[in-house]
Protein backbone atom coordinates (compact mmCIF):
# COMPACT_ATOMS: atom_id res chain seq x y z
CA UNK A 1 96.05 100.61 84.15
CA UNK A 2 99.64 99.40 84.24
CA UNK A 3 103.31 100.47 84.12
CA UNK A 4 104.72 97.26 82.65
CA UNK A 5 105.28 98.72 79.20
CA UNK A 6 107.85 101.16 80.63
CA UNK A 7 109.93 98.61 82.55
CA UNK A 8 112.69 98.62 79.91
CA UNK A 9 112.77 102.39 79.46
CA UNK A 10 115.65 102.96 81.87
CA UNK A 11 113.85 106.02 83.26
CA UNK A 12 113.00 106.49 86.93
CA UNK A 13 109.36 105.91 87.80
CA UNK A 14 109.81 107.68 91.12
CA UNK A 15 112.17 110.23 92.64
CA UNK A 16 111.80 111.17 96.30
CA UNK A 17 112.73 114.72 97.25
CA UNK A 18 114.79 115.85 99.06
CA UNK A 19 116.36 112.43 99.72
CA UNK A 20 116.98 111.79 96.02
CA UNK A 21 115.96 108.10 96.26
CA UNK A 22 115.21 106.80 92.76
CA UNK A 23 113.09 103.80 91.80
CA UNK A 24 113.22 102.71 88.17
CA UNK A 25 110.17 101.44 86.30
CA UNK A 26 111.75 97.97 86.32
CA UNK A 27 112.23 98.10 90.10
CA UNK A 28 108.69 99.35 90.65
CA UNK A 29 107.32 96.61 88.40
CA UNK A 30 109.18 93.92 90.35
CA UNK A 31 108.22 95.30 93.76
CA UNK A 32 104.53 95.53 92.82
CA UNK A 33 104.50 91.97 91.48
CA UNK A 34 106.17 90.54 94.59
CA UNK A 35 103.70 92.18 96.92
CA UNK A 36 100.74 91.18 94.71
CA UNK A 37 101.88 87.54 95.01
CA UNK A 38 102.19 87.98 98.78
CA UNK A 39 98.61 89.31 98.98
CA UNK A 40 97.38 86.29 97.02
CA UNK A 41 99.35 83.82 99.15
CA UNK A 42 97.82 85.38 102.27
CA UNK A 43 94.34 84.65 100.88
CA UNK A 44 93.26 88.09 99.67
CA UNK A 45 90.95 87.91 96.67
CA UNK A 46 89.23 90.25 94.25
CA UNK A 47 87.26 92.95 96.07
CA UNK A 48 89.05 92.58 99.41
CA UNK A 49 90.50 95.71 101.01
CA UNK A 50 94.06 96.68 101.98
CA UNK A 51 94.41 99.60 104.39
CA UNK A 52 97.48 101.70 103.53
CA UNK A 53 98.82 103.72 106.46
CA UNK A 54 101.89 105.35 104.94
CA UNK A 55 103.42 108.78 104.69
CA UNK A 56 105.24 109.73 101.49
CA UNK A 57 108.01 107.15 101.07
CA UNK A 58 109.67 105.19 98.28
CA UNK A 59 107.35 102.25 99.10
CA UNK A 60 103.92 103.85 98.54
CA UNK A 61 103.60 103.31 94.83
CA UNK A 62 104.71 99.68 94.96
CA UNK A 63 101.98 98.99 97.55
CA UNK A 64 99.29 100.78 95.55
CA UNK A 65 100.27 99.10 92.27
CA UNK A 66 100.33 95.70 93.99
CA UNK A 67 96.78 96.19 95.25
CA UNK A 68 95.58 97.26 91.81
CA UNK A 69 97.13 94.18 90.20
CA UNK A 70 95.60 91.79 92.71
CA UNK A 71 92.06 93.12 92.17
CA UNK A 72 91.95 94.74 95.59
CA UNK A 73 90.55 97.95 96.93
CA UNK A 74 93.17 100.03 98.72
CA UNK A 75 92.01 102.45 101.41
CA UNK A 76 94.61 105.14 102.03
CA UNK A 77 94.46 106.35 105.64
CA UNK A 78 95.26 109.91 106.68
CA UNK A 79 98.56 109.71 108.54
CA UNK A 80 97.55 112.50 110.95
CA UNK A 81 94.70 110.50 112.48
CA UNK A 82 94.80 109.20 116.03
CA UNK A 83 94.89 105.41 116.53
CA UNK A 84 91.15 105.45 117.28
CA UNK A 85 90.37 107.43 114.11
CA UNK A 86 92.59 105.21 111.95
CA UNK A 87 91.04 102.12 113.49
CA UNK A 88 87.56 103.42 112.59
CA UNK A 89 88.49 103.46 108.89
CA UNK A 90 90.25 100.08 109.04
CA UNK A 91 87.20 98.54 110.70
CA UNK A 92 84.64 100.34 108.56
CA UNK A 93 86.18 99.16 105.27
CA UNK A 94 86.67 95.62 106.57
CA UNK A 95 90.36 95.63 105.68
CA UNK A 96 91.96 92.19 105.44
CA UNK A 97 95.47 93.62 105.41
CA UNK A 98 97.35 96.68 106.61
CA UNK A 99 100.55 98.05 105.09
CA UNK A 100 102.22 100.81 107.11
CA UNK A 101 105.38 102.90 107.04
CA UNK A 102 107.83 103.01 109.92
CA UNK A 103 106.94 106.59 110.91
CA UNK A 104 103.44 105.31 111.76
CA UNK A 105 104.85 102.63 114.07
CA UNK A 106 103.31 104.11 117.25
CA UNK A 107 99.87 104.34 115.63
CA UNK A 108 100.11 100.73 114.49
CA UNK A 109 101.03 99.51 117.97
CA UNK A 110 98.02 101.36 119.43
CA UNK A 111 95.41 100.20 116.90
CA UNK A 112 94.23 96.90 118.35
CA UNK A 113 92.23 98.16 121.38
CA UNK A 114 90.11 100.24 119.02
CA UNK A 115 89.27 97.39 116.63
CA UNK A 116 86.35 95.31 117.85
CA UNK A 117 87.09 92.42 115.50
CA UNK A 118 90.85 92.64 116.06
CA UNK A 119 93.65 93.46 113.67
CA UNK A 120 93.64 92.02 110.14
CA UNK A 121 95.62 88.80 109.85
CA UNK A 122 98.06 90.28 107.33
CA UNK A 123 100.04 93.18 108.75
CA UNK A 124 103.12 94.64 107.04
CA UNK A 125 105.28 97.54 108.17
CA UNK A 126 108.13 99.02 106.15
CA UNK A 127 111.73 99.04 107.36
CA UNK A 128 111.11 98.43 111.05
CA UNK A 129 110.02 95.68 113.42
CA UNK A 130 106.76 95.42 115.37
CA UNK A 131 105.59 92.29 117.18
CA UNK A 132 103.00 90.47 115.10
CA UNK A 133 103.81 92.44 111.94
CA UNK A 134 105.87 91.36 108.94
CA UNK A 135 108.79 93.55 107.96
CA UNK A 136 108.33 94.93 104.45
CA UNK A 137 109.88 94.63 101.85
CA UNK A 138 111.94 91.80 103.42
CA UNK A 139 108.84 89.61 103.72
CA UNK A 140 108.31 89.55 99.95
CA UNK A 141 111.94 88.99 98.94
CA UNK A 142 111.28 85.37 97.94
CA UNK A 143 108.04 86.06 96.08
CA UNK A 144 108.04 85.93 92.26
CA UNK A 145 108.67 89.26 90.54
CA UNK A 146 106.61 88.14 87.56
CA UNK A 147 102.95 89.13 87.08
CA UNK A 148 100.15 87.22 88.77
CA UNK A 149 98.74 84.72 86.29
CA UNK A 150 95.20 86.00 87.02
CA UNK A 151 95.78 89.74 87.39
CA UNK A 152 92.62 91.78 87.97
CA UNK A 153 92.24 95.53 88.13
CA UNK A 154 91.66 96.96 91.61
CA UNK A 155 90.71 100.47 92.67
CA UNK A 156 91.04 103.15 95.31
CA UNK A 157 88.52 103.05 98.16
CA UNK A 158 88.75 106.68 99.18
CA UNK A 159 87.63 108.03 102.54
CA UNK A 160 86.36 111.58 102.83
CA UNK A 161 88.35 114.01 104.96
CA UNK A 162 85.79 113.89 107.76
CA UNK A 163 85.52 117.69 108.11
CA UNK A 164 81.71 117.43 108.23
CA UNK A 165 81.35 114.21 110.24
CA UNK A 166 82.90 110.76 110.38
CA UNK A 167 84.84 109.86 107.22
CA UNK A 168 82.80 107.95 104.65
CA UNK A 169 84.22 105.35 102.29
CA UNK A 170 83.55 106.02 98.61
CA UNK A 171 83.50 102.80 96.59
CA UNK A 172 83.12 102.36 92.84
CA UNK A 173 82.44 98.99 91.20
CA UNK A 174 85.61 97.16 90.15
CA UNK A 175 86.03 97.05 86.35
CA UNK A 176 86.17 93.22 86.24
CA UNK A 177 89.06 93.10 83.78
CA UNK A 178 92.83 92.82 83.69
CA UNK A 179 94.98 95.92 84.31
CA UNK A 180 96.06 95.77 80.67
CA UNK A 181 92.46 96.18 79.51
CA UNK A 182 91.40 98.73 82.13
CA UNK A 183 92.93 101.78 80.50
CA UNK A 184 93.99 104.96 82.31
CA UNK A 185 90.90 106.81 83.51
CA UNK A 186 92.73 110.13 83.87
CA UNK A 187 94.54 109.87 80.53
CA UNK A 188 92.37 112.55 78.82
CA UNK A 189 93.13 115.12 81.53
CA UNK A 190 96.82 114.23 81.75
CA UNK A 191 97.24 114.32 77.99
CA UNK A 192 95.37 117.63 77.88
CA UNK A 193 98.21 119.16 79.90
CA UNK A 194 100.87 117.32 77.92
CA UNK A 195 101.90 114.49 80.26
CA UNK A 196 103.68 111.73 78.33
CA UNK A 197 106.70 109.44 78.68
CA UNK A 198 109.06 112.44 78.61
CA UNK A 199 107.32 114.30 81.43
CA UNK A 200 108.54 114.85 84.97
CA UNK A 201 105.49 115.18 87.19
CA UNK A 202 105.69 116.72 90.68
CA UNK A 203 103.37 115.48 93.44
CA UNK A 204 103.90 117.69 96.53
CA UNK A 205 100.88 116.54 98.57
CA UNK A 206 100.36 113.47 100.78
CA UNK A 207 99.67 110.31 98.79
CA UNK A 208 96.87 109.29 101.13
CA UNK A 209 94.65 111.82 99.34
CA UNK A 210 92.70 110.85 96.23
CA UNK A 211 94.19 113.17 93.63
CA UNK A 212 97.88 112.83 94.57
CA UNK A 213 97.77 109.02 94.63
CA UNK A 214 95.56 108.58 91.58
CA UNK A 215 97.14 111.28 89.42
CA UNK A 216 100.70 110.20 90.22
CA UNK A 217 99.91 106.56 89.38
CA UNK A 218 98.19 107.63 86.18
CA UNK A 219 101.23 109.74 85.24
CA UNK A 220 103.45 106.68 85.77
CA UNK A 221 101.08 104.61 83.62
CA UNK A 222 101.75 107.10 80.80
CA UNK A 223 105.50 106.69 81.32
CA UNK A 224 106.19 109.90 83.25
CA UNK A 225 108.71 110.18 86.06
CA UNK A 226 106.96 111.18 89.30
CA UNK A 227 108.77 113.36 91.84
CA UNK A 228 107.25 113.07 95.33
CA UNK A 229 108.02 115.48 98.16
CA UNK A 230 108.42 113.93 101.60
CA UNK A 231 106.07 116.72 102.71
CA UNK A 232 105.07 120.05 101.23
CA UNK A 233 107.34 123.00 101.84
CA UNK A 234 107.45 126.11 99.62
CA UNK A 235 111.23 126.17 99.28
CA UNK A 236 111.47 122.40 98.79
CA UNK A 237 108.86 122.64 96.02
CA UNK A 238 110.85 125.25 94.10
CA UNK A 239 114.05 123.33 94.74
CA UNK A 240 112.48 120.13 93.36
CA UNK A 241 111.26 121.92 90.23
CA UNK A 242 114.73 123.30 89.58
CA UNK A 243 116.71 120.17 90.52
CA UNK A 244 114.64 117.61 88.61
CA UNK A 245 113.56 119.89 85.73
CA UNK A 246 109.92 119.27 86.55
CA UNK A 247 107.59 119.76 83.58
CA UNK A 248 104.18 119.19 85.19
CA UNK A 249 102.64 119.13 88.63
CA UNK A 250 99.50 119.24 90.69
CA UNK A 251 98.94 121.72 93.51
CA UNK A 252 96.26 123.04 95.83
CA UNK A 253 95.57 126.74 96.40
CA UNK A 254 97.11 126.87 99.89
CA UNK A 255 100.41 125.77 98.33
CA UNK A 256 100.21 128.67 95.89
CA UNK A 257 99.49 131.06 98.77
CA UNK A 258 102.49 129.87 100.74
CA UNK A 259 104.82 130.13 97.77
CA UNK A 260 103.54 133.60 96.89
CA UNK A 261 103.96 134.84 100.45
CA UNK A 262 107.66 134.00 100.34
CA UNK A 263 109.97 137.01 99.91
CA UNK A 264 110.22 137.97 96.23
CA UNK A 265 114.00 137.56 96.24
CA UNK A 266 113.66 133.99 97.53
CA UNK A 267 111.19 133.08 94.79
CA UNK A 268 113.36 134.70 92.13
CA UNK A 269 116.30 132.54 93.19
CA UNK A 270 114.80 129.38 91.64
CA UNK A 271 114.56 128.42 87.99
CA UNK A 272 111.04 127.23 87.13
CA UNK A 273 111.45 127.55 83.36
CA UNK A 274 111.15 123.77 82.86
CA UNK A 275 107.43 123.89 83.78
CA UNK A 276 105.13 123.26 80.82
CA UNK A 277 101.75 123.01 82.55
CA UNK A 278 100.46 122.54 86.10
CA UNK A 279 97.00 121.95 87.50
CA UNK A 280 95.32 122.77 90.77
CA UNK A 281 92.16 121.53 92.49
CA UNK A 282 90.77 120.30 95.84
CA UNK A 283 89.64 123.72 97.11
CA UNK A 284 88.57 127.00 95.52
CA UNK A 285 91.47 129.25 94.49
CA UNK A 286 91.04 132.96 95.20
CA UNK A 287 91.12 134.70 91.80
CA UNK A 288 93.82 137.17 92.86
CA UNK A 289 96.07 134.29 93.97
CA UNK A 290 95.62 132.58 90.60
CA UNK A 291 96.40 135.80 88.74
CA UNK A 292 99.64 136.14 90.69
CA UNK A 293 100.60 132.53 89.89
CA UNK A 294 99.96 133.12 86.18
CA UNK A 295 102.09 136.28 86.34
CA UNK A 296 104.91 134.27 87.95
CA UNK A 297 104.75 130.95 86.07
CA UNK A 298 103.04 132.12 82.91
CA UNK A 299 99.65 131.10 81.43
CA UNK A 300 100.25 127.43 82.28
CA UNK A 301 98.22 127.21 85.51
CA UNK A 302 95.21 125.04 84.63
CA UNK A 303 92.45 123.85 86.93
CA UNK A 304 90.09 120.93 87.33
CA UNK A 305 87.12 120.44 89.59
CA UNK A 306 85.85 117.08 90.73
CA UNK A 307 85.03 115.10 93.85
CA UNK A 308 86.27 111.97 95.56
CA UNK A 309 83.01 110.38 94.42
CA UNK A 310 84.21 110.78 90.84
CA UNK A 311 80.77 111.74 89.51
CA UNK A 312 81.81 114.63 87.28
CA UNK A 313 84.88 116.61 86.23
CA UNK A 314 85.37 120.07 84.77
CA UNK A 315 88.60 121.48 83.32
CA UNK A 316 89.83 124.93 82.36
CA UNK A 317 93.12 126.05 80.85
CA UNK A 318 94.82 129.20 82.07
CA UNK A 319 94.02 131.20 78.94
CA UNK A 320 90.32 130.26 79.23
CA UNK A 321 90.35 131.25 82.89
CA UNK A 322 91.70 134.70 82.05
CA UNK A 323 88.62 135.12 79.83
CA UNK A 324 86.30 133.57 82.48
CA UNK A 325 87.98 134.51 85.78
CA UNK A 326 86.81 132.49 88.74
CA UNK A 327 85.45 129.62 86.67
CA UNK A 328 86.46 125.98 87.21
CA UNK A 329 85.77 125.20 83.55
CA UNK A 330 83.36 123.20 81.45
CA UNK A 331 82.54 119.52 82.02
CA UNK A 332 84.84 116.92 80.51
CA UNK A 333 83.10 114.04 82.31
CA UNK A 334 79.36 114.10 82.97
CA UNK A 335 76.80 116.81 82.26
CA UNK A 336 76.51 119.60 84.85
CA UNK A 337 73.13 120.80 86.12
CA UNK A 338 72.29 123.53 88.65
CA UNK A 339 69.26 122.64 90.76
CA UNK A 340 67.19 124.79 93.12
CA UNK A 341 65.68 123.85 96.46
CA UNK A 342 62.48 122.82 94.68
CA UNK A 343 64.37 120.31 92.51
CA UNK A 344 63.99 122.33 89.33
CA UNK A 345 66.90 123.20 87.06
CA UNK A 346 68.01 126.83 87.36
CA UNK A 347 68.89 129.24 84.54
CA UNK A 348 72.47 130.48 83.83
CA UNK A 349 73.84 132.84 86.45
CA UNK A 350 71.64 131.54 89.28
CA UNK A 351 73.44 129.66 92.10
CA UNK A 352 72.13 126.30 93.25
CA UNK A 353 73.18 122.74 94.02
CA UNK A 354 75.63 121.30 91.49
CA UNK A 355 74.60 117.92 90.09
CA UNK A 356 76.22 115.76 87.43
CA UNK A 357 74.47 113.41 85.06
CA UNK A 358 75.96 110.28 83.52
CA UNK A 359 79.47 110.37 84.94
CA UNK A 360 79.73 107.03 86.71
CA UNK A 361 78.43 105.19 89.74
CA UNK A 362 79.59 104.93 93.35
CA UNK A 363 78.26 104.21 96.80
CA UNK A 364 79.09 105.37 100.30
CA UNK A 365 80.36 102.30 102.10
CA UNK A 366 77.95 101.01 104.76
CA UNK A 367 75.66 104.02 104.28
CA UNK A 368 72.81 103.42 101.81
CA UNK A 369 70.90 106.42 103.20
CA UNK A 370 73.70 108.84 102.36
CA UNK A 371 74.17 107.16 98.97
CA UNK A 372 70.49 107.65 98.16
CA UNK A 373 70.57 111.26 99.39
CA UNK A 374 73.35 112.09 96.91
CA UNK A 375 71.09 111.12 93.99
CA UNK A 376 68.04 113.11 92.93
CA UNK A 377 64.89 111.73 91.30
CA UNK A 378 66.53 111.92 87.85
CA UNK A 379 69.58 109.94 88.90
CA UNK A 380 71.87 112.96 88.90
CA UNK A 381 74.49 113.09 91.66
CA UNK A 382 75.44 115.99 93.92
CA UNK A 383 78.00 116.14 96.72
CA UNK A 384 76.96 119.38 98.42
CA UNK A 385 78.70 122.01 96.29
CA UNK A 386 76.92 125.25 95.33
CA UNK A 387 77.58 127.07 92.07
CA UNK A 388 76.21 128.34 88.78
CA UNK A 389 76.76 127.99 85.05
CA UNK A 390 77.24 130.97 82.76
CA UNK A 391 75.76 131.31 79.28
CA UNK A 392 78.80 129.55 77.78
CA UNK A 393 78.50 126.52 80.06
CA UNK A 394 81.39 127.44 82.37
CA UNK A 395 80.91 126.37 85.98
CA UNK A 396 81.57 128.71 88.93
CA UNK A 397 81.72 127.51 92.53
CA UNK A 398 79.98 129.58 95.17
CA UNK A 399 80.68 127.44 98.26
CA UNK A 400 79.82 124.22 100.02
CA UNK A 401 76.18 123.99 101.16
CA UNK A 402 77.21 123.12 104.71
CA UNK A 403 79.39 126.28 104.80
CA UNK A 404 76.44 128.56 104.01
CA UNK A 405 75.60 131.10 106.74
CA UNK A 406 71.96 132.11 107.32
CA UNK A 407 71.91 135.46 109.11
CA UNK A 408 68.56 137.15 109.62
CA UNK A 409 67.09 134.92 106.91
CA UNK A 410 69.73 135.94 104.35
CA UNK A 411 71.97 133.31 102.75
CA UNK A 412 75.67 134.26 102.90
CA UNK A 413 78.41 132.27 101.19
CA UNK A 414 81.66 132.90 103.07
CA UNK A 415 84.02 132.03 100.22
CA UNK A 416 83.90 135.61 98.86
CA UNK A 417 85.18 137.10 102.11
CA UNK A 418 87.76 134.33 102.52
CA UNK A 419 89.13 134.90 99.02
CA UNK A 420 89.52 138.60 99.67
CA UNK A 421 91.19 138.14 103.05
CA UNK A 422 93.70 135.62 101.68
CA UNK A 423 94.61 138.05 98.89
CA UNK A 424 95.64 140.69 101.47
CA UNK A 425 99.47 140.90 101.41
CA UNK A 426 99.76 140.63 105.20
CA UNK A 427 97.41 137.63 105.58
CA UNK A 428 98.65 134.05 105.25
CA UNK A 429 95.31 132.27 105.72
CA UNK A 430 91.71 133.03 106.58
CA UNK A 431 88.42 131.35 107.38
CA UNK A 432 84.93 132.83 107.46
CA UNK A 433 82.00 130.97 109.03
CA UNK A 434 78.77 131.39 110.95
CA UNK A 435 78.51 131.36 114.73
CA UNK A 436 75.25 131.20 116.73
CA UNK A 437 73.50 134.52 117.38
CA UNK A 438 70.36 134.87 119.49
CA UNK A 439 68.87 137.65 117.35
CA UNK A 440 70.06 136.77 113.83
CA UNK A 441 70.34 132.98 114.05
CA UNK A 442 73.95 133.20 112.89
CA UNK A 443 76.46 135.99 112.52
CA UNK A 444 79.53 136.12 110.31
CA UNK A 445 82.88 135.46 111.99
CA UNK A 446 86.43 135.56 110.53
CA UNK A 447 89.60 133.97 111.87
CA UNK A 448 92.87 135.04 110.28
CA UNK A 449 96.45 133.80 110.34
CA UNK A 450 98.68 136.84 109.95
CA UNK A 451 101.78 136.54 107.78
CA UNK A 452 103.73 138.12 110.65
CA UNK A 453 102.45 136.73 113.98
CA UNK A 454 103.41 140.00 115.68
CA UNK A 455 100.66 141.72 113.67
CA UNK A 456 97.86 139.70 115.28
CA UNK A 457 96.56 142.81 117.04
CA UNK A 458 93.23 144.56 117.53
CA UNK A 459 94.48 147.40 115.33
CA UNK A 460 95.17 145.03 112.42
CA UNK A 461 91.79 143.35 112.94
CA UNK A 462 90.06 146.73 112.64
CA UNK A 463 92.11 147.51 109.53
CA UNK A 464 91.11 144.22 107.89
CA UNK A 465 87.43 144.74 108.72
CA UNK A 466 87.49 148.16 107.10
CA UNK A 467 89.45 146.84 104.13
CA UNK A 468 86.77 144.18 103.54
CA UNK A 469 83.91 146.66 103.90
CA UNK A 470 85.44 148.74 101.10
CA UNK A 471 85.34 145.72 98.78
CA UNK A 472 82.32 143.63 99.75
CA UNK A 473 78.64 144.14 100.51
CA UNK A 474 78.38 144.84 104.23
CA UNK A 475 75.97 141.97 104.96
CA UNK A 476 78.67 139.55 103.69
CA UNK A 477 81.39 141.05 105.90
CA UNK A 478 82.43 139.54 109.24
CA UNK A 479 80.99 141.18 112.32
CA UNK A 480 84.06 140.11 114.30
CA UNK A 481 87.59 139.05 113.42
CA UNK A 482 90.17 137.28 115.54
CA UNK A 483 93.55 135.67 114.96
CA UNK A 484 94.93 132.14 115.24
CA UNK A 485 98.53 130.88 114.96
CA UNK A 486 97.39 128.40 112.29
CA UNK A 487 94.10 127.33 110.74
CA UNK A 488 92.93 123.68 110.77
CA UNK A 489 93.35 122.70 107.13
CA UNK A 490 93.83 119.25 105.69
CA UNK A 491 96.95 118.60 103.63
CA UNK A 492 94.97 119.40 100.46
CA UNK A 493 93.76 122.72 101.79
CA UNK A 494 90.24 121.99 103.03
CA UNK A 495 89.21 123.86 106.16
CA UNK A 496 87.80 122.02 109.16
CA UNK A 497 85.15 124.60 109.97
CA UNK A 498 83.54 122.41 112.64
CA UNK A 499 86.72 122.83 114.67
CA UNK A 500 86.68 126.61 114.15
CA UNK A 501 83.01 126.93 115.08
CA UNK A 502 83.56 124.93 118.28
CA UNK A 503 86.48 127.10 119.36
CA UNK A 504 85.16 130.51 118.31
CA UNK A 505 81.51 130.30 119.35
CA UNK A 506 82.17 130.59 123.07
């Protein structure tokens, strides 16, 4: 995958918002080549790992493209981690280089005591000075801006979010070819929503996550201009769409929720008519939230479902979704199977473990046991999601297996109650999970973030409990409901339920 063919287009490859910094395709091409040469000069070879500890800046894409061109894996590190947590990932992946942004300066300074083998020899930090680190991009100013003579395609080494344990590295085999011959893996999905060299693609999420980094690079490889938000904000998102005449974008459901909970007059003040199609993924979207987005933006809100492991992908357009509400689509990569606890395939309409067949290989870094556990005896791969297929082959997600609550021997999937709570006009966010119960094993608990913090009262809790009981089977309803100022979600909307269970089981 490469961007070289667009270097003479004169179009920006990257626009940062709200700063307005623009990087042309020619500038991005030169910056990536210089850093690729620097990696080579420092002794990094095909299959080595670069740890990327950067928030959303104008430098991210140059670093990622440089790693891809030098045949390297790049491990993007969550910028909200503590020095000890970041050091765990850097040590676990065996990184031979670190590239960081200046806002992560304090984390970088504090890394070394947590790394048993010491810091990697090559350490770069953007636009600031730290003892023992090279200042980037100054340190590559004298490097050639021409391609490496032996370019090899690299890849993302993605780490899981760590909401169910320590983060695990997910590594796919390198393609063993030049970037020119590697192709664009996401091209079918991007072209399905109309991304081409005239598109303006908005990426509002942190680039350390799989989809934002990989989709934005793939959009650039197809010649699209990518607009990157410094950080997600509902107003800034609408402002970026209007200012840059955004045509496409990728979102997560919590972003939709936050935009929809804005006052109607504020939303109406922005022109979003340039949008042609958008996609969402990363976490289940409550059906009522999606309906509201389609009413606002039109039938252009598509969806894909996949995993960091990259073992299968489904896709559904907005018009299909209206005919199959709640579905995440039909497979476009791999063959989906629903498997019961006994290992047998289940009929349509029956929930079970979701497995994919024939969609690619991967391994969990340094964890052959977990790698083997993800594969069944037929070689199909599952990552812990529960769902079912309908008679037309559309996939529906029920929940994550580790989120399932077992109360009195009954299996309860909390996503139904969460979706309903989030659709309540006075609720900003909600989580439903199981807490220990001496008699029942577990009991259902809800924690809610009220849209107006002043409404976090016992009276509103009672109102919400009754509202749920009017809409959901009683055994699925929470037995208690409390409030929190904010719920522990990752930047792509995944709940850290371990944190909630720890703090609400006392």
